[in-house]
Amino acid sequence: MKRPLRIGTRESALALWQAQQVLERLAQKGIAAELIPVSSEGDQDLVTPLYSFGVQGVFTRTLDAHLLSKRVDIAVHSMKDVPVDLPQGISQLAVLKRGDWQDILVLNEKHAGKDWNELSMSPLVIATSSIRRRAQWLNRYPHHTMHDLRGNVATRLRKIGEHGWDGAIFARAGLSRIGLLPAHAFNLDWMLPAPAQGAIMVVRRTDDHETARIGEWLNDRNTAICVKVERDFLRALLGGCATPISGHASIVNDKVHFRGNVFSPDGKERAMVEMDEKAVFAHDFGKQAADLLIAHGGDRILTKLQQGG
């Protein structure tokens, strides 16, 4: 390719960091590239709760349009934001090696040093824009109040103190990647993530066969297997980023271990699944896990979700 490869990315600090990882990997292979920042619909509206948009791809559609109109050659996404079914004409190029997938709680500085087990018994106010995090939190702490939280990472951190909230839930990878992980934060080991959380996805135009060749330099096989299982689980449950569906797969000794769940939005109902499968046989593993979850009570919760209940 004679001109530099144009890498489409959102304008946020985290998105630029992710795109920079792709640019650096390409540079190691002698491929010249440049970043093309694009403002997404989700970045432009920082007030409306994400789950109120009612559509998938709120952070990816603008980049999809730039890709299809050939204003960029590839696009880099937080994979958890990407709809499970890509738009016609767009294909997955690669999935980078996954970072930290866990969610964390960032406490208000006024609570720094306090014992969480004791503090959590109080009627706290916890902020998040995610219906998935909200549902899992309310299941564990039904006496807490949830508040919507929008904005880029730095803005959301600042709002904790400005609004006097007791804490807010974040993806650990998002904070650590741009050097904003506070000392008064701790892992939520019990909370399952959004499918593909912590993974970076690169997409291309399906008919761009020249660009397709660089995928092998960027792709991490184990990460690609795991996120496929998670997204197949989400697809089989007819879910998107605005549904309280969680899933995480990992590979240990060539075996895929998967955990998944679905909650009612108020956290009062849940269905869970946990399974293992050899990695070489994991092609339909996500769907198998979804079928098992449905058979163990998930069907009732999913029906209510589809009915808006």
C-alpha atoms as a PDB file:
ATOM      1  CA  MET A   1       0.000   0.000   0.000  1.00  0.00           C
ATOM      2  CA  LYS A   2       1.687   3.201  -1.219  1.00  0.00           C
ATOM      3  CA  ARG A   3       0.043   5.721   1.118  1.00  0.00           C
ATOM      4  CA  PRO A   4      -0.066   5.243   4.907  1.00  0.00           C
ATOM      5  CA  LEU A   5      -2.765   2.874   6.137  1.00  0.00           C
ATOM      6  CA  ARG A   6      -5.561   5.002   7.633  1.00  0.00           C
ATOM      7  CA  ILE A   7      -6.668   3.744  11.056  1.00  0.00           C
ATOM      8  CA  GLY A   8     -10.106   4.956  12.127  1.00  0.00           C
ATOM      9  CA  THR A   9     -10.630   5.497  15.844  1.00  0.00           C
ATOM     10  CA  ARG A  10     -12.894   7.343  18.248  1.00  0.00           C
ATOM     11  CA  GLU A  11     -11.490  10.556  19.703  1.00  0.00           C
ATOM     12  CA  SER A  12     -11.447   9.552  23.373  1.00  0.00           C
ATOM     13  CA  ALA A  13      -8.137   9.057  25.156  1.00  0.00           C
ATOM     14  CA  LEU A  14      -8.847   5.350  25.617  1.00  0.00           C
ATOM     15  CA  ALA A  15      -9.792   4.817  21.971  1.00  0.00           C
ATOM     16  CA  LEU A  16      -6.673   6.633  20.808  1.00  0.00           C
ATOM     17  CA  TRP A  17      -4.554   4.481  23.123  1.00  0.00           C
ATOM     18  CA  GLN A  18      -6.075   1.344  21.614  1.00  0.00           C
ATOM     19  CA  ALA A  19      -5.545   2.541  18.050  1.00  0.00           C
ATOM     20  CA  GLN A  20      -1.966   3.447  18.910  1.00  0.00           C
ATOM     21  CA  GLN A  21      -1.337  -0.207  19.836  1.00  0.00           C
ATOM     22  CA  VAL A  22      -2.366  -1.213  16.327  1.00  0.00           C
ATOM     23  CA  LEU A  23      -0.244   1.534  14.761  1.00  0.00           C
ATOM     24  CA  GLU A  24       2.834   0.412  16.718  1.00  0.00           C
ATOM     25  CA  ARG A  25       2.366  -3.249  15.797  1.00  0.00           C
ATOM     26  CA  LEU A  26       2.109  -2.303  12.135  1.00  0.00           C
ATOM     27  CA  ALA A  27       5.226  -0.149  12.420  1.00  0.00           C
ATOM     28  CA  GLN A  28       7.112  -3.198  13.712  1.00  0.00           C
ATOM     29  CA  LYS A  29       6.277  -4.861  10.395  1.00  0.00           C
ATOM     30  CA  GLY A  30       7.383  -1.831   8.399  1.00  0.00           C
ATOM     31  CA  ILE A  31       3.840  -0.703   7.537  1.00  0.00           C
ATOM     32  CA  ALA A  32       3.306   3.059   7.618  1.00  0.00           C
ATOM     33  CA  ALA A  33      -0.004   4.101   9.162  1.00  0.00           C
ATOM     34  CA  GLU A  34      -1.781   7.144  10.563  1.00  0.00           C
ATOM     35  CA  LEU A  35      -4.649   7.652  13.011  1.00  0.00           C
ATOM     36  CA  ILE A  36      -7.911   9.234  11.809  1.00  0.00           C
ATOM     37  CA  PRO A  37      -9.945  10.300  14.887  1.00  0.00           C
ATOM     38  CA  VAL A  38     -13.741  10.309  14.423  1.00  0.00           C
ATOM     39  CA  SER A  39     -16.451  11.521  16.827  1.00  0.00           C
ATOM     40  CA  SER A  40     -19.048   8.808  17.464  1.00  0.00           C
ATOM     41  CA  GLU A  41     -22.720   9.209  18.291  1.00  0.00           C
ATOM     42  CA  GLY A  42     -22.110   7.847  21.771  1.00  0.00           C
ATOM     43  CA  ASP A  43     -19.389  10.448  22.344  1.00  0.00           C
ATOM     44  CA  GLN A  44     -21.558  13.345  21.173  1.00  0.00           C
ATOM     45  CA  ASP A  45     -24.440  12.662  23.592  1.00  0.00           C
ATOM     46  CA  LEU A  46     -22.952  12.481  27.080  1.00  0.00           C
ATOM     47  CA  VAL A  47     -26.242  12.869  28.960  1.00  0.00           C
ATOM     48  CA  THR A  48     -28.600  10.100  27.805  1.00  0.00           C
ATOM     49  CA  PRO A  49     -28.042   6.769  29.626  1.00  0.00           C
ATOM     50  CA  LEU A  50     -26.501   4.283  27.201  1.00  0.00           C
ATOM     51  CA  TYR A  51     -29.276   1.745  27.648  1.00  0.00           C
ATOM     52  CA  SER A  52     -31.832   4.395  26.648  1.00  0.00           C
ATOM     53  CA  PHE A  53     -30.466   4.626  23.102  1.00  0.00           C
ATOM     54  CA  GLY A  54     -32.288   1.369  22.364  1.00  0.00           C
ATOM     55  CA  VAL A  55     -29.887   0.437  19.575  1.00  0.00           C
ATOM     56  CA  GLN A  56     -26.603  -1.391  19.206  1.00  0.00           C
ATOM     57  CA  GLY A  57     -23.437   0.088  17.793  1.00  0.00           C
ATOM     58  CA  VAL A  58     -23.818   3.569  19.270  1.00  0.00           C
ATOM     59  CA  PHE A  59     -20.009   3.819  19.523  1.00  0.00           C
ATOM     60  CA  THR A  60     -19.231   2.054  16.226  1.00  0.00           C
ATOM     61  CA  ARG A  61     -21.689   3.202  13.548  1.00  0.00           C
ATOM     62  CA  THR A  62     -19.875   6.407  12.623  1.00  0.00           C
ATOM     63  CA  LEU A  63     -16.612   4.532  12.159  1.00  0.00           C
ATOM     64  CA  ASP A  64     -18.476   1.890  10.131  1.00  0.00           C
ATOM     65  CA  ALA A  65     -19.651   4.643   7.778  1.00  0.00           C
ATOM     66  CA  HIS A  66     -16.122   6.025   7.427  1.00  0.00           C
ATOM     67  CA  LEU A  67     -14.830   2.524   6.672  1.00  0.00           C
ATOM     68  CA  LEU A  68     -17.476   1.707   4.066  1.00  0.00           C
ATOM     69  CA  SER A  69     -17.024   5.084   2.370  1.00  0.00           C
ATOM     70  CA  LYS A  70     -13.258   4.428   2.212  1.00  0.00           C
ATOM     71  CA  ARG A  71     -12.324   7.407   4.369  1.00  0.00           C
ATOM     72  CA  VAL A  72     -10.388   4.952   6.567  1.00  0.00           C
ATOM     73  CA  ASP A  73      -8.869   1.557   5.740  1.00  0.00           C
ATOM     74  CA  ILE A  74      -9.375  -0.192   9.076  1.00  0.00           C
ATOM     75  CA  ALA A  75     -11.155   0.733  12.316  1.00  0.00           C
ATOM     76  CA  VAL A  76     -10.257  -0.066  15.917  1.00  0.00           C
ATOM     77  CA  HIS A  77     -12.946  -0.704  18.533  1.00  0.00           C
ATOM     78  CA  SER A  78     -13.384  -1.731  22.132  1.00  0.00           C
ATOM     79  CA  MET A  79     -14.775  -5.121  21.201  1.00  0.00           C
ATOM     80  CA  LYS A  80     -17.508  -5.066  23.848  1.00  0.00           C
ATOM     81  CA  ASP A  81     -19.037  -2.076  21.991  1.00  0.00           C
ATOM     82  CA  VAL A  82     -19.255  -3.919  18.668  1.00  0.00           C
ATOM     83  CA  PRO A  83     -22.624  -5.526  17.754  1.00  0.00           C
ATOM     84  CA  VAL A  84     -22.364  -9.310  17.487  1.00  0.00           C
ATOM     85  CA  ASP A  85     -23.422  -9.105  13.835  1.00  0.00           C
ATOM     86  CA  LEU A  86     -21.159  -6.800  11.861  1.00  0.00           C
ATOM     87  CA  PRO A  87     -22.661  -4.548   9.161  1.00  0.00           C
ATOM     88  CA  GLN A  88     -22.723  -5.893   5.616  1.00  0.00           C
ATOM     89  CA  GLY A  89     -19.427  -5.174   3.929  1.00  0.00           C
ATOM     90  CA  ILE A  90     -17.384  -5.150   7.150  1.00  0.00           C
ATOM     91  CA  SER A  91     -15.361  -8.107   8.471  1.00  0.00           C
ATOM     92  CA  GLN A  92     -13.244  -8.841  11.514  1.00  0.00           C
ATOM     93  CA  LEU A  93      -9.562  -8.409  10.729  1.00  0.00           C
ATOM     94  CA  ALA A  94      -8.008  -9.248  14.099  1.00  0.00           C
ATOM     95  CA  VAL A  95      -8.409  -9.327  17.860  1.00  0.00           C
ATOM     96  CA  LEU A  96      -5.433  -8.118  19.865  1.00  0.00           C
ATOM     97  CA  LYS A  97      -4.255  -9.953  22.967  1.00  0.00           C
ATOM     98  CA  ARG A  98      -6.768  -9.258  25.699  1.00  0.00           C
ATOM     99  CA  GLY A  99      -6.054  -6.939  28.597  1.00  0.00           C
ATOM    100  CA  ASP A 100      -7.612  -6.961  32.059  1.00  0.00           C
ATOM    101  CA  TRP A 101     -11.279  -7.930  31.742  1.00  0.00           C
ATOM    102  CA  GLN A 102     -12.489  -7.202  35.273  1.00  0.00           C
ATOM    103  CA  ASP A 103     -14.755  -4.447  36.519  1.00  0.00           C
ATOM    104  CA  ILE A 104     -13.667  -2.334  39.469  1.00  0.00           C
ATOM    105  CA  LEU A 105     -15.304  -0.054  42.016  1.00  0.00           C
ATOM    106  CA  VAL A 106     -13.737   3.370  42.418  1.00  0.00           C
ATOM    107  CA  LEU A 107     -14.698   4.780  45.804  1.00  0.00           C
ATOM    108  CA  ASN A 108     -15.219   8.432  46.603  1.00  0.00           C
ATOM    109  CA  GLU A 109     -12.051   9.721  48.229  1.00  0.00           C
ATOM    110  CA  LYS A 110     -14.027  10.374  51.407  1.00  0.00           C
ATOM    111  CA  HIS A 111     -14.199   6.581  51.855  1.00  0.00           C
ATOM    112  CA  ALA A 112     -10.482   5.930  51.280  1.00  0.00           C
ATOM    113  CA  GLY A 113      -9.143   3.501  53.862  1.00  0.00           C
ATOM    114  CA  LYS A 114     -12.554   2.351  55.068  1.00  0.00           C
ATOM    115  CA  ASP A 115     -13.441  -1.330  55.359  1.00  0.00           C
ATOM    116  CA  TRP A 116     -15.655  -2.196  52.393  1.00  0.00           C
ATOM    117  CA  ASN A 117     -17.549  -4.995  54.142  1.00  0.00           C
ATOM    118  CA  GLU A 118     -18.673  -2.543  56.792  1.00  0.00           C
ATOM    119  CA  LEU A 119     -19.195   0.378  54.403  1.00  0.00           C
ATOM    120  CA  SER A 120     -21.288  -1.679  51.973  1.00  0.00           C
ATOM    121  CA  MET A 121     -23.931  -2.269  54.645  1.00  0.00           C
ATOM    122  CA  SER A 122     -24.870   1.425  54.418  1.00  0.00           C
ATOM    123  CA  PRO A 123     -27.392   2.742  51.819  1.00  0.00           C
ATOM    124  CA  LEU A 124     -24.731   3.862  49.325  1.00  0.00           C
ATOM    125  CA  VAL A 125     -25.163   5.607  45.954  1.00  0.00           C
ATOM    126  CA  ILE A 126     -23.200   3.879  43.181  1.00  0.00           C
ATOM    127  CA  ALA A 127     -22.944   5.225  39.623  1.00  0.00           C
ATOM    128  CA  THR A 128     -22.727   3.360  36.312  1.00  0.00           C
ATOM    129  CA  SER A 129     -24.018   3.715  32.762  1.00  0.00           C
ATOM    130  CA  SER A 130     -24.197  -0.062  32.297  1.00  0.00           C
ATOM    131  CA  ILE A 131     -27.447  -1.963  32.820  1.00  0.00           C
ATOM    132  CA  ARG A 132     -25.353  -5.141  33.187  1.00  0.00           C
ATOM    133  CA  ARG A 133     -23.335  -3.702  36.073  1.00  0.00           C
ATOM    134  CA  ARG A 134     -26.437  -2.173  37.603  1.00  0.00           C
ATOM    135  CA  ALA A 135     -28.285  -5.492  37.637  1.00  0.00           C
ATOM    136  CA  GLN A 136     -25.403  -7.476  39.140  1.00  0.00           C
ATOM    137  CA  TRP A 137     -24.792  -4.782  41.752  1.00  0.00           C
ATOM    138  CA  LEU A 138     -28.416  -4.619  42.852  1.00  0.00           C
ATOM    139  CA  ASN A 139     -28.531  -8.398  43.113  1.00  0.00           C
ATOM    140  CA  ARG A 140     -25.660  -8.248  45.604  1.00  0.00           C
ATOM    141  CA  TYR A 141     -26.510  -4.921  47.272  1.00  0.00           C
ATOM    142  CA  PRO A 142     -30.289  -4.386  46.926  1.00  0.00           C
ATOM    143  CA  HIS A 143     -30.195  -1.610  49.563  1.00  0.00           C
ATOM    144  CA  HIS A 144     -27.956   0.590  47.389  1.00  0.00           C
ATOM    145  CA  THR A 145     -29.176   3.262  44.953  1.00  0.00           C
ATOM    146  CA  MET A 146     -27.847   3.373  41.389  1.00  0.00           C
ATOM    147  CA  HIS A 147     -27.201   6.569  39.447  1.00  0.00           C
ATOM    148  CA  ASP A 148     -26.503   7.043  35.724  1.00  0.00           C
ATOM    149  CA  LEU A 149     -22.959   8.046  34.796  1.00  0.00           C
ATOM    150  CA  ARG A 150     -21.846   9.229  31.348  1.00  0.00           C
ATOM    151  CA  GLY A 151     -18.795  10.931  29.871  1.00  0.00           C
ATOM    152  CA  ASN A 152     -15.242   9.942  29.089  1.00  0.00           C
ATOM    153  CA  VAL A 153     -13.162   8.182  31.724  1.00  0.00           C
ATOM    154  CA  ALA A 154     -11.666  11.354  33.223  1.00  0.00           C
ATOM    155  CA  THR A 155     -15.078  13.036  33.373  1.00  0.00           C
ATOM    156  CA  ARG A 156     -16.680  10.056  35.084  1.00  0.00           C
ATOM    157  CA  LEU A 157     -13.929   9.935  37.681  1.00  0.00           C
ATOM    158  CA  ARG A 158     -14.385  13.635  38.401  1.00  0.00           C
ATOM    159  CA  LYS A 159     -18.153  13.297  38.739  1.00  0.00           C
ATOM    160  CA  ILE A 160     -17.816  10.901  41.687  1.00  0.00           C
ATOM    161  CA  GLY A 161     -16.608  13.740  43.878  1.00  0.00           C
ATOM    162  CA  GLU A 162     -18.654  16.491  42.243  1.00  0.00           C
ATOM    163  CA  HIS A 163     -21.948  14.673  42.804  1.00  0.00           C
ATOM    164  CA  GLY A 164     -21.032  13.181  46.151  1.00  0.00           C
ATOM    165  CA  TRP A 165     -21.652   9.619  45.011  1.00  0.00           C
ATOM    166  CA  ASP A 166     -20.111   6.896  47.142  1.00  0.00           C
ATOM    167  CA  GLY A 167     -18.476   5.203  44.200  1.00  0.00           C
ATOM    168  CA  ALA A 168     -18.697   4.250  40.523  1.00  0.00           C
ATOM    169  CA  ILE A 169     -18.064   1.101  38.512  1.00  0.00           C
ATOM    170  CA  PHE A 170     -15.515   1.067  35.679  1.00  0.00           C
ATOM    171  CA  ALA A 171     -13.709  -1.423  33.445  1.00  0.00           C
ATOM    172  CA  ARG A 172     -10.256  -1.798  34.963  1.00  0.00           C
ATOM    173  CA  ALA A 173      -8.592  -1.928  31.545  1.00  0.00           C
ATOM    174  CA  GLY A 174     -10.028   1.439  30.567  1.00  0.00           C
ATOM    175  CA  LEU A 175      -8.502   3.222  33.565  1.00  0.00           C
ATOM    176  CA  SER A 176      -5.170   1.416  33.660  1.00  0.00           C
ATOM    177  CA  ARG A 177      -4.493   1.823  29.923  1.00  0.00           C
ATOM    178  CA  ILE A 178      -4.501   5.621  30.171  1.00  0.00           C
ATOM    179  CA  GLY A 179      -2.884   5.856  33.594  1.00  0.00           C
ATOM    180  CA  LEU A 180      -5.971   6.936  35.572  1.00  0.00           C
ATOM    181  CA  LEU A 181      -6.420   3.967  37.914  1.00  0.00           C
ATOM    182  CA  PRO A 182      -6.962   5.468  41.410  1.00  0.00           C
ATOM    183  CA  ALA A 183      -5.484   3.993  44.564  1.00  0.00           C
ATOM    184  CA  HIS A 184      -8.967   3.837  46.124  1.00  0.00           C
ATOM    185  CA  ALA A 185     -10.250   1.214  43.655  1.00  0.00           C
ATOM    186  CA  PHE A 186     -10.643  -2.541  43.975  1.00  0.00           C
ATOM    187  CA  ASN A 187     -11.528  -5.462  41.711  1.00  0.00           C
ATOM    188  CA  LEU A 188     -15.072  -6.783  41.672  1.00  0.00           C
ATOM    189  CA  ASP A 189     -14.057 -10.435  41.473  1.00  0.00           C
ATOM    190  CA  TRP A 190     -17.669 -11.589  41.669  1.00  0.00           C
ATOM    191  CA  MET A 191     -18.944  -9.455  38.764  1.00  0.00           C
ATOM    192  CA  LEU A 192     -18.873 -11.050  35.309  1.00  0.00           C
ATOM    193  CA  PRO A 193     -17.901  -8.673  32.485  1.00  0.00           C
ATOM    194  CA  ALA A 194     -19.572  -7.757  29.246  1.00  0.00           C
ATOM    195  CA  PRO A 195     -18.728 -10.279  26.518  1.00  0.00           C
ATOM    196  CA  ALA A 196     -15.360  -9.334  24.969  1.00  0.00           C
ATOM    197  CA  GLN A 197     -14.580  -6.755  27.674  1.00  0.00           C
ATOM    198  CA  GLY A 198     -10.889  -5.865  27.674  1.00  0.00           C
ATOM    199  CA  ALA A 199     -10.407  -6.973  24.048  1.00  0.00           C
ATOM    200  CA  ILE A 200      -9.531  -4.714  21.111  1.00  0.00           C
ATOM    201  CA  MET A 201     -11.075  -5.529  17.735  1.00  0.00           C
ATOM    202  CA  VAL A 202      -9.843  -4.392  14.320  1.00  0.00           C
ATOM    203  CA  VAL A 203     -12.228  -4.461  11.359  1.00  0.00           C
ATOM    204  CA  ARG A 204     -11.806  -3.955   7.609  1.00  0.00           C
ATOM    205  CA  ARG A 205     -13.892  -3.736   4.468  1.00  0.00           C
ATOM    206  CA  THR A 206     -14.744  -7.252   3.375  1.00  0.00           C
ATOM    207  CA  ASP A 207     -13.626  -6.620  -0.204  1.00  0.00           C
ATOM    208  CA  ASP A 208     -10.268  -5.112   0.834  1.00  0.00           C
ATOM    209  CA  HIS A 209      -8.127  -8.190   0.306  1.00  0.00           C
ATOM    210  CA  GLU A 210      -4.828  -6.304   0.479  1.00  0.00           C
ATOM    211  CA  THR A 211      -5.557  -5.116   4.028  1.00  0.00           C
ATOM    212  CA  ALA A 212      -6.753  -8.600   5.025  1.00  0.00           C
ATOM    213  CA  ARG A 213      -3.174  -9.873   4.874  1.00  0.00           C
ATOM    214  CA  ILE A 214      -2.062  -7.856   7.906  1.00  0.00           C
ATOM    215  CA  GLY A 215      -4.543  -9.627  10.196  1.00  0.00           C
ATOM    216  CA  GLU A 216      -2.164 -12.480  10.989  1.00  0.00           C
ATOM    217  CA  TRP A 217       0.335  -9.998  12.498  1.00  0.00           C
ATOM    218  CA  LEU A 218      -2.260  -8.497  14.814  1.00  0.00           C
ATOM    219  CA  ASN A 219      -4.430 -11.430  15.843  1.00  0.00           C
ATOM    220  CA  ASP A 220      -4.068 -13.293  19.155  1.00  0.00           C
ATOM    221  CA  ARG A 221      -5.487 -16.792  18.687  1.00  0.00           C
ATOM    222  CA  ASN A 222      -6.485 -17.546  22.282  1.00  0.00           C
ATOM    223  CA  THR A 223      -8.174 -14.167  22.726  1.00  0.00           C
ATOM    224  CA  ALA A 224     -10.027 -14.634  19.439  1.00  0.00           C
ATOM    225  CA  ILE A 225     -11.333 -18.039  20.561  1.00  0.00           C
ATOM    226  CA  CYS A 226     -12.501 -16.717  23.932  1.00  0.00           C
ATOM    227  CA  VAL A 227     -14.275 -13.619  22.665  1.00  0.00           C
ATOM    228  CA  LYS A 228     -15.991 -15.667  19.959  1.00  0.00           C
ATOM    229  CA  VAL A 229     -17.424 -17.945  22.653  1.00  0.00           C
ATOM    230  CA  GLU A 230     -18.612 -14.928  24.638  1.00  0.00           C
ATOM    231  CA  ARG A 231     -20.156 -13.152  21.645  1.00  0.00           C
ATOM    232  CA  ASP A 232     -21.811 -16.366  20.400  1.00  0.00           C
ATOM    233  CA  PHE A 233     -23.343 -16.686  23.873  1.00  0.00           C
ATOM    234  CA  LEU A 234     -24.631 -13.115  23.608  1.00  0.00           C
ATOM    235  CA  ARG A 235     -25.915 -13.642  20.069  1.00  0.00           C
ATOM    236  CA  ALA A 236     -27.784 -16.826  21.017  1.00  0.00           C
ATOM    237  CA  LEU A 237     -29.514 -14.950  23.841  1.00  0.00           C
ATOM    238  CA  LEU A 238     -30.471 -12.142  21.429  1.00  0.00           C
ATOM    239  CA  GLY A 239     -28.584  -9.669  23.573  1.00  0.00           C
ATOM    240  CA  GLY A 240     -26.566  -6.517  23.010  1.00  0.00           C
ATOM    241  CA  CYS A 241     -24.556  -4.059  25.035  1.00  0.00           C
ATOM    242  CA  ALA A 242     -27.799  -2.657  26.502  1.00  0.00           C
ATOM    243  CA  THR A 243     -28.895  -5.939  28.090  1.00  0.00           C
ATOM    244  CA  PRO A 244     -27.893  -7.413  31.490  1.00  0.00           C
ATOM    245  CA  ILE A 245     -26.050 -10.373  29.934  1.00  0.00           C
ATOM    246  CA  SER A 246     -22.491 -11.204  31.000  1.00  0.00           C
ATOM    247  CA  GLY A 247     -19.951 -13.777  29.909  1.00  0.00           C
ATOM    248  CA  HIS A 248     -16.283 -14.615  30.250  1.00  0.00           C
ATOM    249  CA  ALA A 249     -14.174 -17.356  28.687  1.00  0.00           C
ATOM    250  CA  SER A 250     -10.560 -18.240  29.409  1.00  0.00           C
ATOM    251  CA  ILE A 251      -8.188 -20.914  28.138  1.00  0.00           C
ATOM    252  CA  VAL A 252      -6.145 -23.014  30.545  1.00  0.00           C
ATOM    253  CA  ASN A 253      -4.250 -26.100  29.349  1.00  0.00           C
ATOM    254  CA  ASP A 254      -6.062 -26.066  25.983  1.00  0.00           C
ATOM    255  CA  LYS A 255      -9.463 -26.100  27.689  1.00  0.00           C
ATOM    256  CA  VAL A 256     -11.990 -23.259  27.505  1.00  0.00           C
ATOM    257  CA  HIS A 257     -13.675 -22.396  30.791  1.00  0.00           C
ATOM    258  CA  PHE A 258     -16.829 -20.279  30.421  1.00  0.00           C
ATOM    259  CA  ARG A 259     -19.095 -18.512  32.895  1.00  0.00           C
ATOM    260  CA  GLY A 260     -22.183 -16.588  31.881  1.00  0.00           C
ATOM    261  CA  ASN A 261     -25.321 -15.090  33.363  1.00  0.00           C
ATOM    262  CA  VAL A 262     -28.399 -13.008  32.712  1.00  0.00           C
ATOM    263  CA  PHE A 263     -30.183 -10.828  35.268  1.00  0.00           C
ATOM    264  CA  SER A 264     -33.432  -8.959  35.385  1.00  0.00           C
ATOM    265  CA  PRO A 265     -32.676  -5.199  35.261  1.00  0.00           C
ATOM    266  CA  ASP A 266     -33.609  -4.809  38.940  1.00  0.00           C
ATOM    267  CA  GLY A 267     -31.222  -7.620  39.897  1.00  0.00           C
ATOM    268  CA  LYS A 268     -33.910  -9.697  41.576  1.00  0.00           C
ATOM    269  CA  GLU A 269     -33.808 -12.602  39.116  1.00  0.00           C
ATOM    270  CA  ARG A 270     -30.809 -14.350  37.627  1.00  0.00           C
ATOM    271  CA  ALA A 271     -29.773 -17.442  35.693  1.00  0.00           C
ATOM    272  CA  MET A 272     -26.179 -18.661  35.526  1.00  0.00           C
ATOM    273  CA  VAL A 273     -24.091 -21.204  33.625  1.00  0.00           C
ATOM    274  CA  GLU A 274     -20.544 -22.552  33.959  1.00  0.00           C
ATOM    275  CA  MET A 275     -18.985 -25.006  31.491  1.00  0.00           C
ATOM    276  CA  ASP A 276     -15.691 -26.398  30.181  1.00  0.00           C
ATOM    277  CA  GLU A 277     -14.758 -27.581  26.703  1.00  0.00           C
ATOM    278  CA  LYS A 278     -11.561 -28.448  24.862  1.00  0.00           C
ATOM    279  CA  ALA A 279     -10.441 -25.465  22.784  1.00  0.00           C
ATOM    280  CA  VAL A 280     -10.366 -27.499  19.566  1.00  0.00           C
ATOM    281  CA  PHE A 281     -14.081 -28.283  20.011  1.00  0.00           C
ATOM    282  CA  ALA A 282     -15.155 -24.791  21.099  1.00  0.00           C
ATOM    283  CA  HIS A 283     -16.660 -23.656  17.784  1.00  0.00           C
ATOM    284  CA  ASP A 284     -20.278 -23.839  19.031  1.00  0.00           C
ATOM    285  CA  PHE A 285     -19.453 -23.592  22.728  1.00  0.00           C
ATOM    286  CA  GLY A 286     -21.061 -20.169  23.204  1.00  0.00           C
ATOM    287  CA  LYS A 287     -24.377 -21.357  21.814  1.00  0.00           C
ATOM    288  CA  GLN A 288     -24.223 -24.522  23.922  1.00  0.00           C
ATOM    289  CA  ALA A 289     -23.749 -22.386  27.031  1.00  0.00           C
ATOM    290  CA  ALA A 290     -26.682 -20.186  26.033  1.00  0.00           C
ATOM    291  CA  ASP A 291     -28.912 -23.214  25.513  1.00  0.00           C
ATOM    292  CA  LEU A 292     -27.998 -24.536  28.963  1.00  0.00           C
ATOM    293  CA  LEU A 293     -28.662 -21.171  30.596  1.00  0.00           C
ATOM    294  CA  ILE A 294     -32.072 -20.965  28.898  1.00  0.00           C
ATOM    295  CA  ALA A 295     -32.920 -24.451  30.149  1.00  0.00           C
ATOM    296  CA  HIS A 296     -32.030 -23.437  33.710  1.00  0.00           C
ATOM    297  CA  GLY A 297     -34.311 -20.427  34.094  1.00  0.00           C
ATOM    298  CA  GLY A 298     -32.851 -17.985  31.615  1.00  0.00           C
ATOM    299  CA  ASP A 299     -35.848 -18.278  29.295  1.00  0.00           C
ATOM    300  CA  ARG A 300     -38.138 -16.606  31.826  1.00  0.00           C
ATOM    301  CA  ILE A 301     -35.816 -13.636  32.319  1.00  0.00           C
ATOM    302  CA  LEU A 302     -35.120 -13.244  28.593  1.00  0.00           C
ATOM    303  CA  THR A 303     -38.843 -13.244  27.791  1.00  0.00           C
ATOM    304  CA  LYS A 304     -39.385 -10.411  30.250  1.00  0.00           C
ATOM    305  CA  LEU A 305     -36.464  -8.477  28.777  1.00  0.00           C
ATOM    306  CA  GLN A 306     -37.857  -8.841  25.273  1.00  0.00           C
ATOM    307  CA  GLN A 307     -41.235  -7.631  26.501  1.00  0.00           C
ATOM    308  CA  GLY A 308     -39.620  -4.630  28.162  1.00  0.00           C
ATOM    309  CA  GLY A 309     -40.308  -5.943  31.665  1.00  0.00           C
END
